[in-house]
Each structure stands twice: as C-alpha cells, then as structure tokens.
Amino acid sequence: MRIVILATATTLHQQGGTEVHAESLAAEVARQGHKVFLLTTAHPGGLRTELKDGYTVFYLEGTSFSMSRSEAPAWWVASAKKAAELCSSERIDIVWAENFAGLSYAKIPAAERRPIVSIDQGLAVRGEIASNFNRISSPGELFHFLTRYAAQTIFYYIPRFRAMVKNSDLLIGVSRETGEALAREFPESAEKTRIIFNAVDTDRFKPDEALRAEARKKLGFRPDDQVIVMTGVIHKQKGMHIGLSAFAGIAAGSPEARLLIVGDGPQLGRLQTDAAKAGLTDRVRFCGLKQNKEMPFYYNAADIYINPTLRLEGLAIVTVEAMACGLPCVVSKTGGTGSTIDDGISGFFVNPGDTEALKVKLNALLNDAELRRRLSGEARKKAVIHFNMKQAAAAYLAASAELLSRLNNTGPDA
C-alpha cells in the first residue's frame, strides 16, 4: 500500500503525543513494507525533504506548526496541493491525517482525490473545552477563556469537527472514550468510526535491567532509592503540580522516595519553586525536555509512574510507554485514560485533582514490593497485547484495505 500521512507537526517541532504517534505509525508501516510519505509544516532549519526511519518527510515551505489564525491558511493550501501531487505522481492508495490536518485535502470532491482517514486524538468539542478550562490559573486566563476561547470554539472547533466527520471517508478514534465522545456530539460519525488504540514500539519501550542500572547510575540514584517518574508537557492541565504535591505529602514517611520529572513547559518554573519551598530540591530531579527515543532510559530508571492529568485527552502515549516499560501506574481517570490500565490489576486510577488519593496509592506501592512486581508484570502484558505498534499499524492497514474495497465496490479478496 502507498500512503500519505498529514500531520501539522512532528517531534522536530514539539514533543506531543500526536507528533509521536504520526512518526511511530509512519515508521512501523514502512517497516511492514509499505511506501509512506509524511507531510508536515516547515523545517526550522529550512530542510525541504528527508528520508527518516524508512519513510519520506516533506516539510512544506511557508507553513508553521503553530497553526495560528494567520498562519493556518498556508497549511491548508500547501498540504492539499502537495497531497494531490503525491497522489498523482506516486499512485497513492490512501491518505491518513492526524486530527484536522487533512481537512483541506478532504474538501476536494471524492471522485478527484484518494480516500482519507482522519485520526481523532481528542474527546471532541466538550473535551477540548473542559481541558482548556482545567488549565486556568489566573483571572487573566479566565477572561481569555470566556472571551477569545469561547469564540474560537464556536468558529474553529465546532466547524472543523463537523467538516472532519462529514468529509472523511473513515474516522479512527484512539480510545473507546474518543469514539463515544465523537458519536455523542456528532451522531453521524458513529457509522464511520473505528477504534484503534494509540500504541508504542514495545520492542523499544520494555523493561531492561542493563539500561536500568546505567540510568540510575547516571542520574545519581542509590540502589535502595524508590523512584517515581512523571513525564510530558509541563502545564497545568497535565496536573504535574498535583503529582508534586502528592510527593511532598509522602516524602517524610518515605525517605528513599525520589521524584523524576521529564519534560518542559510553562509550569516548569512553578514546579521548581514549589519543590524548593517544600525542602525537596535534593529529592526532585528535573531532567528537562527529552526526545522520544531517549524515554526508555528514564522509564527504566523508575519504579512507579504517575500521570495526574486533568486533561480530557484521547489516549496518553506517555502512559502506554510507561506500561510497556513495566511500570506500575497511578493515573487520573479522565477521558481516554480509562482505556489504559485496569484498576487494581495493572495500576490504579484516581479522580482528577485528588491529591489525597494519589498519596494513598503511592504509599501502597512504595510499601509493597510484591504489589509493584505484580502490577508491573500486568502493565507490560497489557501494553504488549493492546498497545503494540505492530498490531496497531496492521489494524490501520486492514481498515484502509476494507475502506478501499468498499469504495471500489469489489470483494475483499479481489
């Protein structure tokens, strides 16, 4: 199969779950013998194209990953034009698009374009509204939410979700909750939606004792230290301030506990200040932003993973990465996190923002090595069975083949 993937950003632009997903999916499909072209926004260094992990990337000149109101039109024009050119010159079979990235191409009459599959990484309009409300931390941000963001929802999110549902030939929801949210707000989406969980390379994200020894030595942890890790973009809706608060609450009773924070973002300074005020500077390690390929190093250094997110997102890849590395996970049950761990089996759920519940679960894990071992094994097992990128890529290919067969009005064996 010959495939074009549209994504307005990659990990070159920013380290988010959608960016990681687009690249990981492209690489795995290429490994399975298919021809893949990834179209994205301009390269910061001016590069036009490159071969990366078996697939070809085109960086569209004059576009910006920020997709602001003034910059977005350049993407719509350039992406549709380049996708159409590739579909003609490379005899493309199908186009996959992350979120809204394919809306412009999808507007081309169906008879004049290749079928398009849109991948919904969120929880529809209400999920976006709730997530943005949860990041408010000042009167100024509240004012912005009630004015400019309200207008953005009316004139941006709702029309674009409608266009995605109407013009896409197939929709992929990355969790059960994603599909349910889409169907609840846009009932016509139900008949064309398939669920394929976000996934990771479980051969790369895995428990590795040699890597664990190396990582803990380089990070300065002692053999008896119990390391808790949080990863991701550090802003309020990700809830890392809640994770730090919970750690501060259990630190006195668990002198071997350490907190490892991997990532960067607008709340980094606040977290560093809060850690210092709590007298935890020597027990909280801030590692900064890391490339996705580096993350197995940090997961393997840890004993427990926490994701205290407040965001209603589709399915957090960071949680799946931690599960694949065999970490018992404590996760806020919000949005698509419900499709990740099994409560009490491969990890624990807590309510979003519930610092006390997070402290209870952390204490239970810190004080029970057998519990950690059991949850670790189950987390790894579930990741391999349900969040394996090899299987996810095969599911994308199978869904695409089925779509092409139906649109061509031929039998599946033709």
Protein backbone atom coordinates (compact mmCIF):
# COMPACT_ATOMS: atom_id res chain seq x y z
CA MET A 1 0.00 0.00 0.00
CA ARG A 2 1.16 3.57 -0.73
CA ILE A 3 0.19 6.06 1.96
CA VAL A 4 0.37 9.80 2.63
CA ILE A 5 0.21 10.89 6.28
CA LEU A 6 -0.69 14.50 7.08
CA ALA A 7 0.45 15.96 10.42
CA THR A 8 0.82 19.66 11.18
CA ALA A 9 3.78 18.92 13.48
CA THR A 10 6.33 16.21 14.22
CA THR A 11 8.67 15.72 17.17
CA LEU A 12 11.05 18.07 15.37
CA HIS A 13 8.53 20.83 16.09
CA GLN A 14 7.21 19.79 19.51
CA GLN A 15 7.15 16.71 21.76
CA GLY A 16 3.46 15.86 21.96
CA GLY A 17 1.56 12.62 21.76
CA THR A 18 0.09 13.33 18.32
CA GLU A 19 3.55 14.08 16.94
CA VAL A 20 4.98 10.88 18.42
CA HIS A 21 2.03 8.89 17.06
CA ALA A 22 2.40 10.20 13.50
CA GLU A 23 6.10 9.34 13.35
CA SER A 24 5.78 5.97 15.08
CA LEU A 25 2.92 4.91 12.81
CA ALA A 26 4.81 6.01 9.68
CA ALA A 27 7.94 4.13 10.74
CA GLU A 28 6.11 0.91 11.57
CA VAL A 29 4.04 0.88 8.39
CA ALA A 30 7.26 1.44 6.42
CA ARG A 31 8.89 -1.46 8.30
CA GLN A 32 5.98 -3.64 7.23
CA GLY A 33 6.90 -3.00 3.60
CA HIS A 34 4.63 -0.12 2.60
CA LYS A 35 5.56 3.18 0.92
CA VAL A 36 4.93 6.10 3.26
CA PHE A 37 5.14 9.88 2.76
CA LEU A 38 4.64 12.21 5.72
CA LEU A 39 3.67 15.83 5.02
CA THR A 40 4.23 18.36 7.79
CA THR A 41 4.99 22.05 8.36
CA ALA A 42 8.24 23.81 7.57
CA HIS A 43 11.53 22.55 8.98
CA PRO A 44 13.08 25.08 11.42
CA GLY A 45 16.39 24.73 9.59
CA GLY A 46 14.91 25.09 6.13
CA LEU A 47 15.18 21.44 5.06
CA ARG A 48 12.66 20.56 2.35
CA THR A 49 12.65 16.75 2.50
CA GLU A 50 14.42 13.84 4.18
CA LEU A 51 14.31 10.08 4.47
CA LYS A 52 13.60 9.16 8.09
CA ASP A 53 13.10 5.67 9.56
CA GLY A 54 12.12 4.24 6.19
CA TYR A 55 9.60 6.90 5.17
CA THR A 56 9.91 10.21 3.30
CA VAL A 57 9.14 13.50 5.04
CA PHE A 58 8.16 16.64 3.13
CA TYR A 59 8.42 19.92 5.08
CA LEU A 60 6.08 22.40 3.43
CA GLU A 61 7.75 25.77 2.92
CA GLY A 62 5.89 28.81 4.24
CA THR A 63 3.87 26.89 6.83
CA SER A 64 4.09 26.95 10.63
CA PHE A 65 3.29 24.27 13.19
CA SER A 66 1.73 26.90 15.49
CA MET A 67 -1.31 26.96 13.17
CA SER A 68 -2.38 30.39 14.40
CA ARG A 69 -5.28 32.12 12.68
CA SER A 70 -2.93 34.00 10.39
CA GLU A 71 -0.67 31.01 9.67
CA ALA A 72 -3.17 28.17 9.28
CA PRO A 73 -4.32 29.13 5.75
CA ALA A 74 -0.82 28.47 4.40
CA TRP A 75 -1.04 24.89 5.66
CA TRP A 76 -4.48 24.31 4.15
CA VAL A 77 -3.29 25.45 0.71
CA ALA A 78 0.13 23.78 0.75
CA SER A 79 -0.96 20.46 2.29
CA ALA A 80 -3.86 19.91 -0.12
CA LYS A 81 -1.69 20.82 -3.11
CA LYS A 82 1.24 18.60 -2.11
CA ALA A 83 -1.00 15.68 -1.16
CA ALA A 84 -2.78 15.89 -4.51
CA GLU A 85 0.57 16.00 -6.33
CA LEU A 86 1.83 12.92 -4.48
CA CYS A 87 -1.41 11.05 -5.02
CA SER A 88 -0.92 11.55 -8.75
CA SER A 89 2.84 11.05 -9.09
CA GLU A 90 3.24 8.23 -6.56
CA ARG A 91 -0.09 6.45 -7.19
CA ILE A 92 -1.11 6.84 -3.56
CA ASP A 93 -3.78 4.47 -2.30
CA ILE A 94 -4.95 6.31 0.80
CA VAL A 95 -4.36 9.40 2.96
CA TRP A 96 -4.21 9.34 6.76
CA ALA A 97 -4.50 12.62 8.68
CA GLU A 98 -3.85 13.43 12.33
CA ASN A 99 -6.80 15.37 13.77
CA PHE A 100 -7.72 18.27 11.44
CA ALA A 101 -4.56 18.11 9.31
CA GLY A 102 -6.41 16.69 6.29
CA LEU A 103 -9.44 18.97 6.22
CA SER A 104 -8.33 20.92 3.16
CA TYR A 105 -7.47 17.82 1.14
CA ALA A 106 -10.76 16.22 2.21
CA LYS A 107 -12.68 19.13 0.67
CA ILE A 108 -11.61 18.01 -2.79
CA PRO A 109 -14.54 16.14 -4.38
CA ALA A 110 -14.30 12.46 -3.55
CA ALA A 111 -14.10 11.46 -7.21
CA GLU A 112 -10.97 13.61 -7.62
CA ARG A 113 -8.99 12.56 -4.53
CA ARG A 114 -7.89 9.44 -2.71
CA PRO A 115 -9.87 8.21 0.31
CA ILE A 116 -8.96 9.97 3.55
CA VAL A 117 -8.86 8.58 7.09
CA SER A 118 -8.86 11.15 9.92
CA ILE A 119 -7.40 10.17 13.30
CA ASP A 120 -9.16 11.85 16.22
CA GLN A 121 -6.73 12.22 19.12
CA GLY A 122 -9.10 14.08 21.45
CA LEU A 123 -12.54 13.94 23.05
CA ALA A 124 -14.50 16.12 20.63
CA VAL A 125 -15.56 19.68 21.41
CA ARG A 126 -16.60 19.24 25.04
CA GLY A 127 -13.31 17.54 25.81
CA GLU A 128 -11.38 20.48 24.38
CA ILE A 129 -13.47 22.96 26.37
CA ALA A 130 -13.06 21.04 29.65
CA SER A 131 -9.32 20.60 29.14
CA ASN A 132 -8.77 24.27 28.45
CA PHE A 133 -10.88 25.24 31.46
CA ASN A 134 -8.73 22.99 33.65
CA ARG A 135 -5.59 24.89 32.70
CA ILE A 136 -6.89 28.23 34.02
CA SER A 137 -4.74 29.53 36.88
CA SER A 138 -5.29 33.31 36.87
CA PRO A 139 -8.06 35.91 36.33
CA GLY A 140 -6.43 36.83 33.03
CA GLU A 141 -6.61 33.26 31.79
CA LEU A 142 -10.25 33.02 32.88
CA PHE A 143 -11.05 36.21 30.92
CA HIS A 144 -9.30 34.76 27.86
CA PHE A 145 -11.30 31.53 28.21
CA LEU A 146 -14.64 33.35 28.45
CA THR A 147 -13.94 35.66 25.52
CA ARG A 148 -11.40 34.63 22.89
CA TYR A 149 -11.55 30.90 23.61
CA ALA A 150 -15.36 30.86 23.51
CA ALA A 151 -15.20 32.49 20.08
CA GLN A 152 -12.53 30.02 18.99
CA THR A 153 -14.78 27.13 19.99
CA ILE A 154 -17.73 28.47 18.01
CA PHE A 155 -15.81 29.47 14.90
CA TYR A 156 -12.97 26.92 14.95
CA TYR A 157 -13.54 23.67 16.82
CA ILE A 158 -17.19 23.03 16.05
CA PRO A 159 -16.97 23.74 12.27
CA ARG A 160 -13.76 21.74 11.93
CA PHE A 161 -15.10 18.74 13.78
CA ARG A 162 -18.19 18.86 11.57
CA ALA A 163 -16.03 19.06 8.45
CA MET A 164 -13.83 16.18 9.63
CA VAL A 165 -16.86 13.98 10.27
CA LYS A 166 -18.59 14.93 7.01
CA ASN A 167 -15.65 14.77 4.58
CA SER A 168 -13.53 11.94 5.96
CA ASP A 169 -14.15 8.52 4.46
CA LEU A 170 -13.21 6.84 7.76
CA LEU A 171 -12.58 8.09 11.31
CA ILE A 172 -10.20 6.48 13.78
CA GLY A 173 -10.77 7.05 17.49
CA VAL A 174 -7.65 6.39 19.57
CA SER A 175 -9.62 5.14 22.59
CA ARG A 176 -13.11 3.92 23.40
CA GLU A 177 -13.80 7.27 25.01
CA THR A 178 -12.77 9.14 21.86
CA GLY A 179 -15.27 7.22 19.75
CA GLU A 180 -18.01 7.67 22.33
CA ALA A 181 -17.42 11.44 22.61
CA LEU A 182 -17.45 11.85 18.84
CA ALA A 183 -20.68 9.86 18.47
CA ARG A 184 -22.33 11.76 21.33
CA GLU A 185 -21.66 15.17 19.76
CA PHE A 186 -21.75 14.18 16.09
CA PRO A 187 -24.08 11.14 15.81
CA GLU A 188 -23.41 10.76 12.09
CA SER A 189 -19.80 9.84 12.93
CA ALA A 190 -20.75 6.52 14.57
CA GLU A 191 -21.14 4.51 11.37
CA LYS A 192 -17.75 5.53 10.02
CA THR A 193 -15.66 5.35 13.22
CA ARG A 194 -13.24 2.56 14.13
CA ILE A 195 -11.29 2.32 17.40
CA ILE A 196 -7.54 1.70 17.16
CA PHE A 197 -5.67 2.41 20.37
CA ASN A 198 -2.62 4.66 20.36
CA ALA A 199 0.37 2.35 20.55
CA VAL A 200 4.15 2.24 21.00
CA ASP A 201 7.06 0.13 19.87
CA THR A 202 7.04 -2.44 22.66
CA ASP A 203 10.40 -3.79 21.48
CA ARG A 204 11.96 -0.42 22.28
CA PHE A 205 9.81 0.50 25.27
CA LYS A 206 10.41 -2.50 27.51
CA PRO A 207 11.88 -3.43 30.92
CA ASP A 208 15.68 -3.52 30.56
CA GLU A 209 17.80 -4.34 33.60
CA ALA A 210 21.08 -3.24 31.99
CA LEU A 211 19.55 0.08 30.95
CA ARG A 212 18.05 0.47 34.42
CA ALA A 213 21.46 0.07 36.06
CA GLU A 214 23.02 2.55 33.64
CA ALA A 215 20.21 5.10 34.02
CA ARG A 216 20.12 5.03 37.81
CA LYS A 217 23.90 5.40 37.97
CA LYS A 218 23.95 8.35 35.56
CA LEU A 219 21.04 10.03 37.34
CA GLY A 220 22.68 9.58 40.73
CA PHE A 221 20.13 7.26 42.33
CA ARG A 222 21.21 4.78 45.00
CA PRO A 223 20.22 1.09 44.81
CA ASP A 224 17.60 1.47 47.55
CA ASP A 225 16.04 4.67 46.16
CA GLN A 226 12.41 4.32 45.09
CA VAL A 227 11.95 6.48 42.02
CA ILE A 228 8.61 7.91 40.90
CA VAL A 229 8.50 9.40 37.40
CA MET A 230 6.22 11.95 35.67
CA THR A 231 6.68 12.77 32.00
CA GLY A 232 5.16 15.12 29.44
CA VAL A 233 4.50 18.76 28.72
CA ILE A 234 4.55 20.71 31.97
CA HIS A 235 1.44 22.86 32.00
CA LYS A 236 -1.49 22.99 34.38
CA GLN A 237 -3.87 20.70 32.54
CA LYS A 238 -1.28 17.89 32.75
CA GLY A 239 -1.56 18.04 36.56
CA MET A 240 2.14 17.74 37.40
CA HIS A 241 1.69 20.24 40.22
CA ILE A 242 -0.71 17.71 41.75
CA GLY A 243 1.89 14.97 41.41
CA LEU A 244 4.50 17.13 43.09
CA SER A 245 2.08 18.00 45.89
CA ALA A 246 1.33 14.31 46.48
CA PHE A 247 5.05 13.52 46.54
CA ALA A 248 5.62 16.27 49.11
CA GLY A 249 2.89 14.71 51.23
CA ILE A 250 4.51 11.26 51.32
CA ALA A 251 8.18 12.30 51.30
CA ALA A 252 8.68 12.47 55.07
CA GLY A 253 7.35 8.94 55.58
CA SER A 254 9.29 7.51 52.62
CA PRO A 255 12.87 8.76 52.91
CA GLU A 256 14.05 6.63 49.97
CA ALA A 257 11.43 8.06 47.59
CA ARG A 258 12.63 10.29 44.75
CA LEU A 259 10.67 12.14 42.07
CA LEU A 260 11.89 12.33 38.47
CA ILE A 261 10.20 14.91 36.21
CA VAL A 262 10.93 14.68 32.48
CA GLY A 263 9.64 17.45 30.25
CA ASP A 264 9.36 21.18 29.79
CA GLY A 265 6.58 23.72 29.62
CA PRO A 266 5.11 26.89 31.12
CA GLN A 267 4.74 25.43 34.63
CA LEU A 268 8.32 24.23 34.97
CA GLY A 269 9.43 27.30 36.95
CA ARG A 270 6.48 26.98 39.32
CA LEU A 271 7.26 23.31 39.98
CA GLN A 272 10.91 24.08 40.65
CA THR A 273 9.90 26.84 43.08
CA ASP A 274 7.35 24.61 44.84
CA ALA A 275 9.91 21.81 45.22
CA ALA A 276 12.39 24.24 46.77
CA LYS A 277 9.78 25.67 49.16
CA ALA A 278 8.91 22.16 50.30
CA GLY A 279 12.59 21.44 51.01
CA LEU A 280 12.70 18.78 48.31
CA THR A 281 15.35 20.18 45.99
CA ASP A 282 17.65 17.21 46.61
CA ARG A 283 14.82 14.69 46.13
CA VAL A 284 13.15 16.04 42.98
CA ARG A 285 15.11 15.75 39.74
CA PHE A 286 14.10 17.94 36.77
CA CYS A 287 15.51 16.46 33.56
CA GLY A 288 14.10 18.90 31.00
CA LEU A 289 12.79 18.10 27.54
CA LYS A 290 13.96 14.82 26.02
CA GLN A 291 13.50 13.25 22.60
CA ASN A 292 11.05 10.37 22.50
CA LYS A 293 13.82 7.94 21.57
CA GLU A 294 15.51 8.77 24.90
CA MET A 295 12.49 7.99 27.07
CA PRO A 296 13.14 4.27 27.74
CA PHE A 297 16.22 5.44 29.69
CA TYR A 298 14.04 7.44 32.11
CA TYR A 299 11.22 4.93 32.45
CA ASN A 300 13.70 2.18 33.25
CA ALA A 301 15.31 4.36 35.92
CA ALA A 302 11.98 4.46 37.78
CA ASP A 303 9.90 2.13 39.95
CA ILE A 304 6.49 3.84 39.66
CA TYR A 305 4.85 6.05 37.04
CA ILE A 306 2.21 8.69 37.78
CA ASN A 307 0.05 10.65 35.36
CA PRO A 308 -2.08 13.07 37.41
CA THR A 309 -3.51 14.73 34.29
CA LEU A 310 -6.56 16.98 34.36
CA ARG A 311 -6.87 16.92 30.57
CA LEU A 312 -9.61 15.04 28.72
CA GLU A 313 -7.34 13.65 26.02
CA GLY A 314 -7.75 10.75 23.64
CA LEU A 315 -5.21 8.26 24.97
CA ALA A 316 -1.95 9.46 26.51
CA ILE A 317 1.01 7.81 24.82
CA VAL A 318 3.22 8.54 27.84
CA THR A 319 1.10 6.22 29.97
CA VAL A 320 1.33 3.47 27.36
CA GLU A 321 5.12 3.95 27.17
CA ALA A 322 5.38 3.56 30.95
CA MET A 323 3.19 0.44 30.90
CA ALA A 324 5.33 -1.07 28.14
CA CYS A 325 8.41 -0.46 30.31
CA GLY A 326 6.76 -2.44 33.10
CA LEU A 327 5.98 0.40 35.48
CA PRO A 328 3.01 0.18 37.84
CA CYS A 329 0.98 3.28 37.00
CA VAL A 330 -1.19 5.64 39.01
CA VAL A 331 -3.35 7.60 36.57
CA SER A 332 -6.15 10.16 36.75
CA LYS A 333 -9.28 8.61 35.31
CA THR A 334 -10.29 11.26 32.80
CA GLY A 335 -11.07 10.97 29.13
CA GLY A 336 -9.21 8.23 27.31
CA THR A 337 -7.11 7.20 30.29
CA GLY A 338 -9.97 4.81 31.01
CA SER A 339 -8.76 2.70 28.09
CA THR A 340 -5.25 2.27 29.52
CA ILE A 341 -4.74 0.42 32.81
CA ASP A 342 -7.08 -1.99 34.56
CA ASP A 343 -7.70 -0.62 38.05
CA GLY A 344 -6.04 -2.72 40.73
CA ILE A 345 -4.56 -5.09 38.14
CA SER A 346 -2.07 -3.15 36.03
CA GLY A 347 -2.22 0.09 38.01
CA PHE A 348 -4.53 2.35 39.95
CA PHE A 349 -6.97 5.05 38.91
CA VAL A 350 -7.57 8.17 41.00
CA ASN A 351 -10.01 11.00 40.41
CA PRO A 352 -8.52 14.05 38.66
CA GLY A 353 -7.11 16.53 41.16
CA ASP A 354 -7.43 14.15 44.12
CA THR A 355 -4.06 14.62 45.81
CA GLU A 356 -5.04 12.55 48.86
CA ALA A 357 -5.99 9.52 46.76
CA LEU A 358 -2.75 9.83 44.83
CA LYS A 359 -0.81 9.84 48.11
CA VAL A 360 -2.64 6.70 49.28
CA LYS A 361 -1.81 4.79 46.09
CA LEU A 362 1.80 5.94 46.12
CA ASN A 363 2.22 4.82 49.72
CA ALA A 364 0.68 1.45 48.89
CA LEU A 365 3.15 0.91 46.06
CA LEU A 366 6.18 2.22 47.91
CA ASN A 367 5.49 -0.05 50.87
CA ASP A 368 4.70 -3.26 48.98
CA ALA A 369 7.36 -4.69 46.66
CA GLU A 370 5.15 -7.65 45.73
CA LEU A 371 2.33 -5.33 44.68
CA ARG A 372 4.75 -3.35 42.50
CA ARG A 373 6.04 -6.56 40.92
CA ARG A 374 2.54 -7.87 40.18
CA LEU A 375 1.25 -4.60 38.68
CA SER A 376 4.48 -4.23 36.70
CA GLY A 377 4.01 -7.59 35.00
CA GLU A 378 0.36 -6.91 34.22
CA ALA A 379 1.13 -3.43 32.84
CA ARG A 380 3.76 -4.85 30.48
CA LYS A 381 1.42 -7.67 29.44
CA LYS A 382 -1.43 -5.31 28.62
CA ALA A 383 0.85 -3.00 26.65
CA VAL A 384 2.13 -5.87 24.51
CA ILE A 385 -1.38 -7.20 23.85
CA HIS A 386 -3.33 -3.96 23.36
CA PHE A 387 -0.86 -1.13 22.68
CA ASN A 388 1.66 -2.77 20.38
CA MET A 389 2.52 -0.58 17.37
CA LYS A 390 3.00 -3.59 15.09
CA GLN A 391 -0.60 -4.61 15.71
CA ALA A 392 -1.90 -1.04 15.57
CA ALA A 393 -0.23 -0.43 12.20
CA ALA A 394 -1.69 -3.68 10.90
CA ALA A 395 -5.13 -2.52 12.08
CA TYR A 396 -4.74 0.81 10.22
CA LEU A 397 -3.76 -1.09 7.09
CA ALA A 398 -6.64 -3.55 7.42
CA ALA A 399 -9.18 -0.75 7.97
CA SER A 400 -7.77 1.08 4.94
CA ALA A 401 -7.93 -2.03 2.76
CA GLU A 402 -11.53 -2.61 3.82
CA LEU A 403 -12.39 1.00 3.02
CA LEU A 404 -10.74 0.83 -0.40
CA SER A 405 -12.53 -2.42 -1.15
CA ARG A 406 -15.89 -0.93 -0.21
CA LEU A 407 -15.34 2.26 -2.18
CA ASN A 408 -14.21 0.31 -5.18
CA ASN A 409 -17.29 -1.92 -4.79
CA THR A 410 -15.20 -5.06 -5.04
CA GLY A 411 -14.94 -8.12 -2.82
CA PRO A 412 -12.28 -8.22 -0.07
CA ASP A 413 -10.33 -10.89 -1.96
CA ALA A 414 -10.21 -9.03 -5.25
